């Protein structure tokens, strides 16, 4: 499972993006694929899946406390 940092998440809209720092890849995430609530700066683990509009994050789980100091 890749590890990433939540770069952006809008709970009222139910979507956001997760970035993998090592590769700088970003993955779309929708609230239906969250295992628990997430917030900007949170470290997470997730699965990468392929959909009609490309790759996205699924089975998203917290992997540690928020890391607000990390640069995007």
N, C-alpha and C. Protein backbone atom coordinates (compact mmCIF):
# COMPACT_ATOMS: atom_id res chain seq x y z
N UNK A 1 0.85 -1.19 0.00
CA UNK A 1 0.00 0.00 0.00
C UNK A 1 0.88 1.24 0.00
N UNK A 2 0.64 2.15 -0.93
CA UNK A 2 1.40 3.40 -0.92
C UNK A 2 1.06 4.24 0.31
N UNK A 3 2.02 5.07 0.71
CA UNK A 3 1.78 6.05 1.77
C UNK A 3 1.82 7.43 1.15
N UNK A 4 0.92 8.29 1.61
CA UNK A 4 0.86 9.63 1.06
C UNK A 4 0.40 10.64 2.10
N UNK A 5 0.33 11.88 1.65
CA UNK A 5 -0.11 13.00 2.49
C UNK A 5 -1.34 13.63 1.82
N UNK A 6 -2.36 13.89 2.61
CA UNK A 6 -3.56 14.54 2.07
C UNK A 6 -3.18 15.99 1.75
N UNK A 7 -3.23 16.35 0.48
CA UNK A 7 -2.88 17.69 0.03
C UNK A 7 -4.06 18.64 0.11
N UNK A 8 -5.24 18.06 -0.06
CA UNK A 8 -6.46 18.88 -0.16
C UNK A 8 -7.62 17.95 0.10
N UNK A 9 -8.56 18.38 0.92
CA UNK A 9 -9.79 17.61 1.11
C UNK A 9 -10.91 18.54 1.53
N UNK A 10 -12.01 18.48 0.80
CA UNK A 10 -13.19 19.30 1.10
C UNK A 10 -14.30 18.37 1.59
N UNK A 11 -14.49 18.27 2.91
CA UNK A 11 -15.52 17.36 3.41
C UNK A 11 -16.93 17.71 2.93
N UNK A 12 -17.21 18.98 2.73
CA UNK A 12 -18.55 19.37 2.27
C UNK A 12 -18.82 18.92 0.83
N UNK A 13 -17.79 18.79 0.03
CA UNK A 13 -17.93 18.31 -1.35
C UNK A 13 -17.63 16.81 -1.44
N UNK A 14 -16.83 16.28 -0.49
CA UNK A 14 -16.55 14.86 -0.44
C UNK A 14 -15.43 14.37 -1.32
N UNK A 15 -14.49 15.26 -1.66
CA UNK A 15 -13.36 14.80 -2.47
C UNK A 15 -12.09 15.57 -2.13
N UNK A 16 -10.97 15.06 -2.64
CA UNK A 16 -9.69 15.70 -2.41
C UNK A 16 -8.59 14.99 -3.17
N UNK A 17 -7.34 15.26 -2.77
CA UNK A 17 -6.18 14.67 -3.44
C UNK A 17 -5.15 14.24 -2.41
N UNK A 18 -4.49 13.14 -2.72
CA UNK A 18 -3.42 12.61 -1.88
C UNK A 18 -2.15 12.60 -2.72
N UNK A 19 -1.05 13.04 -2.13
CA UNK A 19 0.23 13.05 -2.84
C UNK A 19 1.19 12.07 -2.19
N UNK A 20 1.91 11.32 -3.03
CA UNK A 20 2.96 10.43 -2.57
C UNK A 20 4.26 11.23 -2.65
N UNK A 21 4.85 11.60 -1.50
CA UNK A 21 6.04 12.46 -1.52
C UNK A 21 7.22 11.90 -2.31
N UNK A 22 7.45 10.60 -2.24
CA UNK A 22 8.60 9.99 -2.91
C UNK A 22 8.54 10.14 -4.43
N UNK A 23 7.35 10.08 -5.00
CA UNK A 23 7.20 10.12 -6.46
C UNK A 23 6.51 11.38 -6.97
N UNK A 24 5.94 12.15 -6.04
CA UNK A 24 5.18 13.36 -6.36
C UNK A 24 3.91 13.07 -7.16
N UNK A 25 3.47 11.82 -7.18
CA UNK A 25 2.21 11.47 -7.85
C UNK A 25 1.05 11.94 -6.98
N UNK A 26 -0.03 12.36 -7.62
CA UNK A 26 -1.23 12.75 -6.90
C UNK A 26 -2.40 11.87 -7.35
N UNK A 27 -3.23 11.50 -6.38
CA UNK A 27 -4.37 10.65 -6.64
C UNK A 27 -5.64 11.29 -6.10
N UNK A 28 -6.67 11.28 -6.91
CA UNK A 28 -8.00 11.75 -6.51
C UNK A 28 -8.55 10.80 -5.46
N UNK A 29 -9.28 11.34 -4.49
CA UNK A 29 -9.95 10.50 -3.49
C UNK A 29 -11.37 11.03 -3.28
N UNK A 30 -12.33 10.11 -3.21
CA UNK A 30 -13.73 10.46 -2.95
C UNK A 30 -14.12 9.88 -1.60
N UNK A 31 -15.03 10.55 -0.91
CA UNK A 31 -15.42 10.13 0.44
C UNK A 31 -15.88 8.68 0.52
N UNK A 32 -16.42 8.12 -0.55
CA UNK A 32 -16.89 6.73 -0.50
C UNK A 32 -15.74 5.73 -0.33
N UNK A 33 -14.49 6.18 -0.59
CA UNK A 33 -13.33 5.29 -0.47
C UNK A 33 -12.55 5.50 0.82
N UNK A 34 -13.09 6.30 1.73
CA UNK A 34 -12.42 6.54 3.01
C UNK A 34 -12.82 5.50 4.04
N UNK A 35 -11.86 5.00 4.78
CA UNK A 35 -12.12 4.08 5.88
C UNK A 35 -12.37 4.84 7.18
N UNK A 36 -11.92 6.11 7.21
CA UNK A 36 -12.12 7.00 8.35
C UNK A 36 -11.97 8.43 7.86
N UNK A 37 -12.40 9.42 8.63
CA UNK A 37 -12.27 10.82 8.19
C UNK A 37 -10.81 11.21 7.98
N UNK A 38 -10.58 12.06 6.99
CA UNK A 38 -9.23 12.58 6.74
C UNK A 38 -9.26 14.10 6.73
N UNK A 39 -8.07 14.69 6.83
CA UNK A 39 -7.94 16.15 6.76
C UNK A 39 -6.62 16.50 6.12
N UNK A 40 -6.51 17.72 5.66
CA UNK A 40 -5.29 18.19 5.02
C UNK A 40 -4.08 17.98 5.93
N UNK A 41 -3.00 17.47 5.33
CA UNK A 41 -1.77 17.26 6.06
C UNK A 41 -1.65 15.89 6.72
N UNK A 42 -2.71 15.11 6.71
CA UNK A 42 -2.70 13.80 7.36
C UNK A 42 -1.92 12.78 6.53
N UNK A 43 -1.11 11.96 7.19
CA UNK A 43 -0.44 10.85 6.54
C UNK A 43 -1.44 9.71 6.40
N UNK A 44 -1.51 9.09 5.22
CA UNK A 44 -2.46 8.03 4.96
C UNK A 44 -1.82 6.89 4.17
N UNK A 45 -2.44 5.71 4.25
CA UNK A 45 -2.12 4.61 3.35
C UNK A 45 -3.36 4.40 2.50
N UNK A 46 -3.15 3.86 1.30
CA UNK A 46 -4.28 3.67 0.39
C UNK A 46 -3.92 2.68 -0.70
N UNK A 47 -4.93 2.22 -1.42
CA UNK A 47 -4.76 1.38 -2.60
C UNK A 47 -4.96 2.25 -3.82
N UNK A 48 -4.26 1.95 -4.89
CA UNK A 48 -4.44 2.66 -6.15
C UNK A 48 -5.33 1.79 -7.04
N UNK A 49 -6.40 2.40 -7.54
CA UNK A 49 -7.32 1.71 -8.44
C UNK A 49 -7.47 2.51 -9.73
N UNK A 50 -7.91 1.85 -10.76
CA UNK A 50 -8.11 2.49 -12.05
C UNK A 50 -9.60 2.60 -12.34
N UNK A 51 -10.01 3.78 -12.77
CA UNK A 51 -11.42 4.02 -13.10
C UNK A 51 -11.54 4.64 -14.48
N UNK A 52 -12.75 5.05 -14.84
CA UNK A 52 -13.00 5.66 -16.14
C UNK A 52 -12.16 6.91 -16.38
N UNK A 53 -11.87 7.65 -15.30
CA UNK A 53 -11.14 8.91 -15.45
C UNK A 53 -9.71 8.82 -14.96
N UNK A 54 -9.18 7.61 -14.82
CA UNK A 54 -7.79 7.44 -14.42
C UNK A 54 -7.64 6.79 -13.06
N UNK A 55 -6.46 6.93 -12.50
CA UNK A 55 -6.15 6.32 -11.20
C UNK A 55 -6.75 7.12 -10.06
N UNK A 56 -7.14 6.42 -8.99
CA UNK A 56 -7.68 7.08 -7.81
C UNK A 56 -7.30 6.29 -6.56
N UNK A 57 -7.42 6.93 -5.40
CA UNK A 57 -7.10 6.31 -4.12
C UNK A 57 -8.36 5.67 -3.53
N UNK A 58 -8.19 4.46 -2.98
CA UNK A 58 -9.29 3.75 -2.34
C UNK A 58 -8.78 3.11 -1.06
N UNK A 59 -9.70 2.69 -0.19
CA UNK A 59 -9.33 2.07 1.09
C UNK A 59 -8.37 2.96 1.88
N UNK A 60 -8.67 4.24 1.92
CA UNK A 60 -7.81 5.24 2.55
C UNK A 60 -7.93 5.18 4.07
N UNK A 61 -6.77 5.05 4.74
CA UNK A 61 -6.72 4.96 6.20
C UNK A 61 -5.62 5.88 6.73
N UNK A 62 -5.82 6.43 7.90
CA UNK A 62 -4.80 7.27 8.54
C UNK A 62 -3.57 6.42 8.86
N UNK A 63 -2.39 7.00 8.63
CA UNK A 63 -1.13 6.30 8.90
C UNK A 63 -0.31 7.04 9.96
N UNK A 64 -0.86 8.13 10.48
CA UNK A 64 -0.14 8.92 11.47
C UNK A 64 -0.82 10.25 11.67
N UNK A 65 -0.24 11.09 12.51
CA UNK A 65 -0.83 12.41 12.80
C UNK A 65 -0.66 13.37 11.61
N UNK A 66 -1.43 14.46 11.59
CA UNK A 66 -1.27 15.46 10.53
C UNK A 66 0.15 16.00 10.48
N UNK A 67 0.62 16.31 9.27
CA UNK A 67 1.97 16.82 9.05
C UNK A 67 1.89 18.14 8.31
N UNK A 68 1.38 19.16 8.97
CA UNK A 68 1.15 20.45 8.33
C UNK A 68 2.41 21.13 7.85
N UNK A 69 3.55 20.80 8.43
CA UNK A 69 4.80 21.48 8.09
C UNK A 69 5.38 20.98 6.77
N UNK A 70 4.90 19.87 6.21
CA UNK A 70 5.46 19.31 4.99
C UNK A 70 5.09 20.17 3.79
N UNK A 71 6.07 20.43 2.92
CA UNK A 71 5.83 21.23 1.74
C UNK A 71 5.19 20.40 0.64
N UNK A 72 4.34 21.03 -0.13
CA UNK A 72 3.63 20.34 -1.21
C UNK A 72 4.52 20.15 -2.40
